[in-house]
Full PDB file with SEQRES, HELIX, SHEET, SSBOND, CRYST1, ORIGX, SCALE, CONECT and MASTER records, all heavy atoms in Angstrom:
SEQRES   1 A   32  LEU VAL ILE GLY GLY ASP GLY SER ARG GLU MET LEU THR          
SEQRES   2 A   32  TYR ASP PHE ARG ARG THR PRO PRO PRO LEU VAL LEU LEU          
SEQRES   3 A   32  ASP VAL SER ALA GLN ASP                                      
SHEET    1 AA1 3 VAL A   2  GLY A   5  0                                        
SHEET    2 AA1 3 GLU A  10  TYR A  14 -1                                        
SHEET    3 AA1 3 LEU A  23  ASP A  27 -1                                        
CRYST1    1.000    1.000    1.000  90.00  90.00  90.00 P 1           1          
ORIGX1      1.000000  0.000000  0.000000        0.00000                         
ORIGX2      0.000000  1.000000  0.000000        0.00000                         
ORIGX3      0.000000  0.000000  1.000000        0.00000                         
SCALE1      1.000000  0.000000  0.000000        0.00000                         
SCALE2      0.000000  1.000000  0.000000        0.00000                         
SCALE3      0.000000  0.000000  1.000000        0.00000                         
ATOM      1  N   LEU A   1       2.228 -93.940  32.433  1.00  0.00           N  
ATOM      2  CA  LEU A   1       2.205 -94.829  33.729  1.00  0.00           C  
ATOM      3  C   LEU A   1       2.264 -96.241  33.150  1.00  0.00           C  
ATOM      4  O   LEU A   1       1.165 -96.733  32.590  1.00  0.00           O  
ATOM      5  CB  LEU A   1       0.980 -94.579  34.594  1.00  0.00           C  
ATOM      6  CG  LEU A   1       0.928 -95.572  35.730  1.00  0.00           C  
ATOM      7  CD1 LEU A   1       2.113 -95.151  36.683  1.00  0.00           C  
ATOM      8  CD2 LEU A   1      -0.418 -95.372  36.521  1.00  0.00           C  
ATOM      9  N   VAL A   2       3.422 -96.922  33.182  1.00  0.00           N  
ATOM     10  CA  VAL A   2       3.515 -98.343  32.832  1.00  0.00           C  
ATOM     11  C   VAL A   2       2.767 -99.235  33.926  1.00  0.00           C  
ATOM     12  O   VAL A   2       3.055 -99.216  35.089  1.00  0.00           O  
ATOM     13  CB  VAL A   2       5.001 -98.685  32.691  1.00  0.00           C  
ATOM     14  CG1 VAL A   2       5.028-100.250  32.429  1.00  0.00           C  
ATOM     15  CG2 VAL A   2       5.674 -97.982  31.650  1.00  0.00           C  
ATOM     16  N   ILE A   3       1.852-100.029  33.482  1.00  0.00           N  
ATOM     17  CA  ILE A   3       1.080-100.914  34.325  1.00  0.00           C  
ATOM     18  C   ILE A   3       1.348-102.374  34.091  1.00  0.00           C  
ATOM     19  O   ILE A   3       0.904-103.178  34.850  1.00  0.00           O  
ATOM     20  CB  ILE A   3      -0.429-100.617  34.442  1.00  0.00           C  
ATOM     21  CG1 ILE A   3      -1.103-100.924  33.039  1.00  0.00           C  
ATOM     22  CG2 ILE A   3      -0.740 -99.169  34.879  1.00  0.00           C  
ATOM     23  CD1 ILE A   3      -2.591-101.080  33.185  1.00  0.00           C  
ATOM     24  N   GLY A   4       1.997-102.674  32.961  1.00  0.00           N  
ATOM     25  CA  GLY A   4       2.235-104.079  32.735  1.00  0.00           C  
ATOM     26  C   GLY A   4       2.983-104.222  31.359  1.00  0.00           C  
ATOM     27  O   GLY A   4       3.684-103.335  30.987  1.00  0.00           O  
ATOM     28  N   GLY A   5       2.579-105.357  30.733  1.00  0.00           N  
ATOM     29  CA  GLY A   5       3.168-105.461  29.324  1.00  0.00           C  
ATOM     30  C   GLY A   5       3.030-106.910  28.885  1.00  0.00           C  
ATOM     31  O   GLY A   5       2.079-107.661  29.395  1.00  0.00           O  
ATOM     32  N   ASP A   6       3.931-107.315  27.932  1.00  0.00           N  
ATOM     33  CA  ASP A   6       3.834-108.615  27.343  1.00  0.00           C  
ATOM     34  C   ASP A   6       4.844-109.597  27.908  1.00  0.00           C  
ATOM     35  O   ASP A   6       4.948-110.709  27.488  1.00  0.00           O  
ATOM     36  CB  ASP A   6       3.996-108.538  25.789  1.00  0.00           C  
ATOM     37  CG  ASP A   6       5.468-108.168  25.359  1.00  0.00           C  
ATOM     38  OD1 ASP A   6       6.226-107.776  26.231  1.00  0.00           O  
ATOM     39  OD2 ASP A   6       5.769-108.280  24.058  1.00  0.00           O  
ATOM     40  N   GLY A   7       5.446-109.152  28.980  1.00  0.00           N  
ATOM     41  CA  GLY A   7       6.395-110.047  29.664  1.00  0.00           C  
ATOM     42  C   GLY A   7       7.807-110.044  29.130  1.00  0.00           C  
ATOM     43  O   GLY A   7       8.721-110.764  29.388  1.00  0.00           O  
ATOM     44  N   SER A   8       7.952-109.148  28.098  1.00  0.00           N  
ATOM     45  CA  SER A   8       9.198-108.962  27.370  1.00  0.00           C  
ATOM     46  C   SER A   8       9.551-107.507  27.193  1.00  0.00           C  
ATOM     47  O   SER A   8       9.641-106.845  28.225  1.00  0.00           O  
ATOM     48  CB  SER A   8       9.192-109.704  26.009  1.00  0.00           C  
ATOM     49  OG  SER A   8      10.356-109.558  25.355  1.00  0.00           O  
ATOM     50  N   ARG A   9       9.588-107.023  25.964  1.00  0.00           N  
ATOM     51  CA  ARG A   9      10.012-105.608  25.751  1.00  0.00           C  
ATOM     52  C   ARG A   9       8.828-104.656  25.669  1.00  0.00           C  
ATOM     53  O   ARG A   9       9.144-103.396  25.654  1.00  0.00           O  
ATOM     54  CB  ARG A   9      10.761-105.593  24.393  1.00  0.00           C  
ATOM     55  CG  ARG A   9      11.978-106.408  24.317  1.00  0.00           C  
ATOM     56  CD  ARG A   9      12.626-106.333  22.996  1.00  0.00           C  
ATOM     57  NE  ARG A   9      12.809-105.005  22.535  1.00  0.00           N  
ATOM     58  CZ  ARG A   9      13.915-104.197  22.771  1.00  0.00           C  
ATOM     59  NH1 ARG A   9      14.912-104.696  23.377  1.00  0.00           N  
ATOM     60  NH2 ARG A   9      13.891-103.052  22.164  1.00  0.00           N  
ATOM     61  N   GLU A  10       7.589-105.041  25.570  1.00  0.00           N  
ATOM     62  CA  GLU A  10       6.517-104.148  25.279  1.00  0.00           C  
ATOM     63  C   GLU A  10       5.814-103.764  26.723  1.00  0.00           C  
ATOM     64  O   GLU A  10       5.550-104.669  27.482  1.00  0.00           O  
ATOM     65  CB  GLU A  10       5.483-104.734  24.358  1.00  0.00           C  
ATOM     66  CG  GLU A  10       6.064-105.211  23.007  1.00  0.00           C  
ATOM     67  CD  GLU A  10       6.507-104.054  22.206  1.00  0.00           C  
ATOM     68  OE1 GLU A  10       6.047-102.946  22.325  1.00  0.00           O  
ATOM     69  OE2 GLU A  10       7.518-104.270  21.512  1.00  0.00           O  
ATOM     70  N   MET A  11       5.712-102.549  26.938  1.00  0.00           N  
ATOM     71  CA  MET A  11       5.097-102.011  28.138  1.00  0.00           C  
ATOM     72  C   MET A  11       3.783-101.517  27.892  1.00  0.00           C  
ATOM     73  O   MET A  11       3.573-100.617  27.102  1.00  0.00           O  
ATOM     74  CB  MET A  11       5.980-100.830  28.732  1.00  0.00           C  
ATOM     75  CG  MET A  11       7.488-101.215  28.974  1.00  0.00           C  
ATOM     76  SD  MET A  11       7.714-102.250  30.295  1.00  0.00           S  
ATOM     77  CE  MET A  11       8.292-103.714  29.558  1.00  0.00           C  
ATOM     78  N   LEU A  12       2.792-102.085  28.596  1.00  0.00           N  
ATOM     79  CA  LEU A  12       1.426-101.588  28.761  1.00  0.00           C  
ATOM     80  C   LEU A  12       1.352-100.304  29.527  1.00  0.00           C  
ATOM     81  O   LEU A  12       1.691-100.383  30.672  1.00  0.00           O  
ATOM     82  CB  LEU A  12       0.440-102.585  29.273  1.00  0.00           C  
ATOM     83  CG  LEU A  12      -1.023-102.258  29.255  1.00  0.00           C  
ATOM     84  CD1 LEU A  12      -1.600-101.993  27.843  1.00  0.00           C  
ATOM     85  CD2 LEU A  12      -1.825-103.318  29.948  1.00  0.00           C  
ATOM     86  N   THR A  13       0.907 -99.261  28.821  1.00  0.00           N  
ATOM     87  CA  THR A  13       1.160 -97.890  29.476  1.00  0.00           C  
ATOM     88  C   THR A  13      -0.144 -97.062  29.312  1.00  0.00           C  
ATOM     89  O   THR A  13      -0.714 -96.916  28.269  1.00  0.00           O  
ATOM     90  CB  THR A  13       2.237 -97.078  28.694  1.00  0.00           C  
ATOM     91  OG1 THR A  13       3.425 -97.944  28.738  1.00  0.00           O  
ATOM     92  CG2 THR A  13       2.655 -95.845  29.310  1.00  0.00           C  
ATOM     93  N   TYR A  14      -0.539 -96.410  30.483  1.00  0.00           N  
ATOM     94  CA  TYR A  14      -1.511 -95.323  30.369  1.00  0.00           C  
ATOM     95  C   TYR A  14      -0.860 -94.080  29.873  1.00  0.00           C  
ATOM     96  O   TYR A  14       0.148 -93.665  30.232  1.00  0.00           O  
ATOM     97  CB  TYR A  14      -2.145 -95.046  31.734  1.00  0.00           C  
ATOM     98  CG  TYR A  14      -3.350 -95.947  32.079  1.00  0.00           C  
ATOM     99  CD1 TYR A  14      -3.135 -96.856  33.195  1.00  0.00           C  
ATOM    100  CD2 TYR A  14      -4.569 -95.929  31.542  1.00  0.00           C  
ATOM    101  CE1 TYR A  14      -4.063 -97.680  33.646  1.00  0.00           C  
ATOM    102  CE2 TYR A  14      -5.574 -96.666  31.962  1.00  0.00           C  
ATOM    103  CZ  TYR A  14      -5.384 -97.574  32.937  1.00  0.00           C  
ATOM    104  OH  TYR A  14      -6.401 -98.396  33.361  1.00  0.00           O  
ATOM    105  N   ASP A  15      -1.630 -93.437  29.000  1.00  0.00           N  
ATOM    106  CA  ASP A  15      -1.175 -92.160  28.407  1.00  0.00           C  
ATOM    107  C   ASP A  15      -1.988 -91.035  29.091  1.00  0.00           C  
ATOM    108  O   ASP A  15      -3.137 -90.716  28.660  1.00  0.00           O  
ATOM    109  CB  ASP A  15      -1.448 -92.047  26.944  1.00  0.00           C  
ATOM    110  CG  ASP A  15      -0.952 -90.802  26.343  1.00  0.00           C  
ATOM    111  OD1 ASP A  15      -0.556 -89.907  27.024  1.00  0.00           O  
ATOM    112  OD2 ASP A  15      -0.969 -90.650  25.096  1.00  0.00           O  
ATOM    113  N   PHE A  16      -1.555 -90.475  30.261  1.00  0.00           N  
ATOM    114  CA  PHE A  16      -2.330 -89.521  31.007  1.00  0.00           C  
ATOM    115  C   PHE A  16      -2.340 -88.170  30.384  1.00  0.00           C  
ATOM    116  O   PHE A  16      -2.738 -87.116  31.012  1.00  0.00           O  
ATOM    117  CB  PHE A  16      -1.831 -89.462  32.499  1.00  0.00           C  
ATOM    118  CG  PHE A  16      -2.502 -90.630  33.281  1.00  0.00           C  
ATOM    119  CD1 PHE A  16      -1.756 -91.722  33.580  1.00  0.00           C  
ATOM    120  CD2 PHE A  16      -3.717 -90.288  33.804  1.00  0.00           C  
ATOM    121  CE1 PHE A  16      -2.390 -92.725  34.377  1.00  0.00           C  
ATOM    122  CE2 PHE A  16      -4.404 -91.372  34.630  1.00  0.00           C  
ATOM    123  CZ  PHE A  16      -3.702 -92.522  34.905  1.00  0.00           C  
ATOM    124  N   ARG A  17      -1.685 -88.001  29.249  1.00  0.00           N  
ATOM    125  CA  ARG A  17      -1.709 -86.768  28.477  1.00  0.00           C  
ATOM    126  C   ARG A  17      -3.126 -86.471  27.983  1.00  0.00           C  
ATOM    127  O   ARG A  17      -3.481 -85.469  27.610  1.00  0.00           O  
ATOM    128  CB  ARG A  17      -0.809 -86.687  27.343  1.00  0.00           C  
ATOM    129  CG  ARG A  17       0.704 -86.801  27.716  1.00  0.00           C  
ATOM    130  CD  ARG A  17       1.647 -86.982  26.474  1.00  0.00           C  
ATOM    131  NE  ARG A  17       1.086 -87.981  25.649  1.00  0.00           N  
ATOM    132  CZ  ARG A  17       1.319 -88.046  24.352  1.00  0.00           C  
ATOM    133  NH1 ARG A  17       2.066 -87.157  23.688  1.00  0.00           N  
ATOM    134  NH2 ARG A  17       0.852 -89.033  23.677  1.00  0.00           N  
ATOM    135  N   ARG A  18      -3.966 -87.634  27.868  1.00  0.00           N  
ATOM    136  CA  ARG A  18      -5.339 -87.587  27.395  1.00  0.00           C  
ATOM    137  C   ARG A  18      -6.386 -87.890  28.480  1.00  0.00           C  
ATOM    138  O   ARG A  18      -5.974 -88.602  29.439  1.00  0.00           O  
ATOM    139  CB  ARG A  18      -5.462 -88.596  26.222  1.00  0.00           C  
ATOM    140  CG  ARG A  18      -4.618 -88.033  24.987  1.00  0.00           C  
ATOM    141  CD  ARG A  18      -4.564 -89.095  23.951  1.00  0.00           C  
ATOM    142  NE  ARG A  18      -3.942 -88.713  22.708  1.00  0.00           N  
ATOM    143  CZ  ARG A  18      -2.699 -88.352  22.554  1.00  0.00           C  
ATOM    144  NH1 ARG A  18      -1.780 -88.498  23.588  1.00  0.00           N  
ATOM    145  NH2 ARG A  18      -2.220 -87.926  21.424  1.00  0.00           N  
ATOM    146  N   THR A  19      -7.617 -87.431  28.337  1.00  0.00           N  
ATOM    147  CA  THR A  19      -8.632 -87.692  29.218  1.00  0.00           C  
ATOM    148  C   THR A  19      -9.721 -88.308  28.435  1.00  0.00           C  
ATOM    149  O   THR A  19     -10.309 -87.667  27.564  1.00  0.00           O  
ATOM    150  CB  THR A  19      -8.958 -86.402  29.925  1.00  0.00           C  
ATOM    151  OG1 THR A  19      -8.013 -85.803  30.549  1.00  0.00           O  
ATOM    152  CG2 THR A  19     -10.235 -86.715  30.942  1.00  0.00           C  
ATOM    153  N   PRO A  20     -10.317 -89.500  28.774  1.00  0.00           N  
ATOM    154  CA  PRO A  20      -9.613 -90.364  29.663  1.00  0.00           C  
ATOM    155  C   PRO A  20      -8.293 -90.986  29.162  1.00  0.00           C  
ATOM    156  O   PRO A  20      -8.139 -91.043  27.829  1.00  0.00           O  
ATOM    157  CB  PRO A  20     -10.671 -91.430  29.934  1.00  0.00           C  
ATOM    158  CG  PRO A  20     -11.499 -91.507  28.563  1.00  0.00           C  
ATOM    159  CD  PRO A  20     -11.435 -90.041  28.112  1.00  0.00           C  
ATOM    160  N   PRO A  21      -7.378 -91.447  30.012  1.00  0.00           N  
ATOM    161  CA  PRO A  21      -6.183 -91.945  29.506  1.00  0.00           C  
ATOM    162  C   PRO A  21      -6.325 -93.344  28.823  1.00  0.00           C  
ATOM    163  O   PRO A  21      -6.743 -94.225  29.420  1.00  0.00           O  
ATOM    164  CB  PRO A  21      -5.356 -92.105  30.789  1.00  0.00           C  
ATOM    165  CG  PRO A  21      -6.359 -92.288  31.898  1.00  0.00           C  
ATOM    166  CD  PRO A  21      -7.543 -91.390  31.500  1.00  0.00           C  
ATOM    167  N   PRO A  22      -5.899 -93.404  27.468  1.00  0.00           N  
ATOM    168  CA  PRO A  22      -6.039 -94.740  26.854  1.00  0.00           C  
ATOM    169  C   PRO A  22      -4.846 -95.579  27.269  1.00  0.00           C  
ATOM    170  O   PRO A  22      -3.811 -95.144  27.761  1.00  0.00           O  
ATOM    171  CB  PRO A  22      -5.920 -94.320  25.337  1.00  0.00           C  
ATOM    172  CG  PRO A  22      -5.107 -93.051  25.316  1.00  0.00           C  
ATOM    173  CD  PRO A  22      -5.499 -92.348  26.724  1.00  0.00           C  
ATOM    174  N   LEU A  23      -4.884 -96.860  26.973  1.00  0.00           N  
ATOM    175  CA  LEU A  23      -3.823 -97.851  27.223  1.00  0.00           C  
ATOM    176  C   LEU A  23      -3.068 -97.923  25.911  1.00  0.00           C  
ATOM    177  O   LEU A  23      -3.719 -98.187  24.838  1.00  0.00           O  
ATOM    178  CB  LEU A  23      -4.278 -99.090  27.631  1.00  0.00           C  
ATOM    179  CG  LEU A  23      -4.625 -99.131  29.171  1.00  0.00           C  
ATOM    180  CD1 LEU A  23      -5.544-100.208  29.523  1.00  0.00           C  
ATOM    181  CD2 LEU A  23      -3.427 -99.078  29.916  1.00  0.00           C  
ATOM    182  N   VAL A  24      -1.772 -97.836  25.936  1.00  0.00           N  
ATOM    183  CA  VAL A  24      -0.957 -97.901  24.678  1.00  0.00           C  
ATOM    184  C   VAL A  24       0.220 -99.046  24.986  1.00  0.00           C  
ATOM    185  O   VAL A  24       0.474 -99.267  26.114  1.00  0.00           O  
ATOM    186  CB  VAL A  24      -0.340 -96.676  24.145  1.00  0.00           C  
ATOM    187  CG1 VAL A  24      -1.450 -95.684  23.734  1.00  0.00           C  
ATOM    188  CG2 VAL A  24       0.557 -96.087  25.214  1.00  0.00           C  
ATOM    189  N   LEU A  25       0.713 -99.485  23.932  1.00  0.00           N  
ATOM    190  CA  LEU A  25       1.895-100.342  24.035  1.00  0.00           C  
ATOM    191  C   LEU A  25       3.141 -99.647  23.560  1.00  0.00           C  
ATOM    192  O   LEU A  25       3.153 -98.995  22.496  1.00  0.00           O  
ATOM    193  CB  LEU A  25       1.762-101.578  23.174  1.00  0.00           C  
ATOM    194  CG  LEU A  25       2.440-102.932  23.586  1.00  0.00           C  
ATOM    195  CD1 LEU A  25       1.978-103.349  24.994  1.00  0.00           C  
ATOM    196  CD2 LEU A  25       2.042-104.122  22.589  1.00  0.00           C  
ATOM    197  N   LEU A  26       4.212 -99.583  24.444  1.00  0.00           N  
ATOM    198  CA  LEU A  26       5.462 -98.847  24.089  1.00  0.00           C  
ATOM    199  C   LEU A  26       6.668 -99.882  24.275  1.00  0.00           C  
ATOM    200  O   LEU A  26       6.722-100.546  25.196  1.00  0.00           O  
ATOM    201  CB  LEU A  26       5.767 -97.752  25.057  1.00  0.00           C  
ATOM    202  CG  LEU A  26       5.025 -96.586  24.817  1.00  0.00           C  
ATOM    203  CD1 LEU A  26       5.102 -95.578  26.104  1.00  0.00           C  
ATOM    204  CD2 LEU A  26       5.428 -95.814  23.554  1.00  0.00           C  
ATOM    205  N   ASP A  27       7.560 -99.991  23.238  1.00  0.00           N  
ATOM    206  CA  ASP A  27       8.726-100.821  23.328  1.00  0.00           C  
ATOM    207  C   ASP A  27       9.726-100.127  24.330  1.00  0.00           C  
ATOM    208  O   ASP A  27       9.767 -98.905  24.299  1.00  0.00           O  
ATOM    209  CB  ASP A  27       9.324-101.071  21.932  1.00  0.00           C  
ATOM    210  CG  ASP A  27      10.516-101.944  22.000  1.00  0.00           C  
ATOM    211  OD1 ASP A  27      11.600-101.522  22.306  1.00  0.00           O  
ATOM    212  OD2 ASP A  27      10.393-103.233  21.712  1.00  0.00           O  
ATOM    213  N   VAL A  28      10.493-100.865  25.041  1.00  0.00           N  
ATOM    214  CA  VAL A  28      11.320-100.315  26.010  1.00  0.00           C  
ATOM    215  C   VAL A  28      12.364 -99.374  25.305  1.00  0.00           C  
ATOM    216  O   VAL A  28      12.982 -98.544  26.093  1.00  0.00           O  
ATOM    217  CB  VAL A  28      12.097-101.422  26.915  1.00  0.00           C  
ATOM    218  CG1 VAL A  28      11.105-102.101  27.807  1.00  0.00           C  
ATOM    219  CG2 VAL A  28      12.810-102.389  26.014  1.00  0.00           C  
ATOM    220  N   SER A  29      12.628 -99.667  24.077  1.00  0.00           N  
ATOM    221  CA  SER A  29      13.614 -98.748  23.340  1.00  0.00           C  
ATOM    222  C   SER A  29      12.986 -97.651  22.590  1.00  0.00           C  
ATOM    223  O   SER A  29      13.621 -96.862  21.834  1.00  0.00           O  
ATOM    224  CB  SER A  29      14.315 -99.734  22.420  1.00  0.00           C  
ATOM    225  OG  SER A  29      13.526-100.246  21.288  1.00  0.00           O  
ATOM    226  N   ALA A  30      11.579 -97.467  22.791  1.00  0.00           N  
ATOM    227  CA  ALA A  30      11.006 -96.258  22.086  1.00  0.00           C  
ATOM    228  C   ALA A  30      11.592 -94.922  22.488  1.00  0.00           C  
ATOM    229  O   ALA A  30      11.971 -94.759  23.674  1.00  0.00           O  
ATOM    230  CB  ALA A  30       9.492 -96.253  22.463  1.00  0.00           C  
ATOM    231  N   GLN A  31      11.713 -94.029  21.534  1.00  0.00           N  
ATOM    232  CA  GLN A  31      12.319 -92.832  21.682  1.00  0.00           C  
ATOM    233  C   GLN A  31      11.277 -91.686  22.115  1.00  0.00           C  
ATOM    234  O   GLN A  31      11.567 -90.722  22.767  1.00  0.00           O  
ATOM    235  CB  GLN A  31      13.058 -92.301  20.567  1.00  0.00           C  
ATOM    236  CG  GLN A  31      14.190 -93.282  20.179  1.00  0.00           C  
ATOM    237  CD  GLN A  31      15.272 -93.326  21.233  1.00  0.00           C  
ATOM    238  OE1 GLN A  31      15.715 -92.361  21.767  1.00  0.00           O  
ATOM    239  NE2 GLN A  31      15.582 -94.544  21.759  1.00  0.00           N  
ATOM    240  N   ASP A  32      10.006 -91.853  21.610  1.00  0.00           N  
ATOM    241  CA  ASP A  32       8.947 -90.932  21.915  1.00  0.00           C  
ATOM    242  C   ASP A  32       7.637 -91.490  21.692  1.00  0.00           C  
ATOM    243  O   ASP A  32       7.476 -92.687  21.401  1.00  0.00           O  
ATOM    244  CB  ASP A  32       9.149 -89.624  20.976  1.00  0.00           C  
ATOM    245  CG  ASP A  32       9.122 -89.881  19.569  1.00  0.00           C  
ATOM    246  OD1 ASP A  32       8.297 -90.754  19.112  1.00  0.00           O  
ATOM    247  OD2 ASP A  32       9.963 -89.211  18.798  1.00  0.00           O  
TER     248      ASP A  32                                                      
MASTER        0    0    0    0    3    0    0    6  247    1    0    3          
END                                                                             
């Protein structure tokens, strides 16, 4: 669940595969 980012290519994302869901950074071109 993308909730924000750095205003450019990086997306601040909740990883709901885990409990509690951590926040991670994903580049828009990330493959996995």
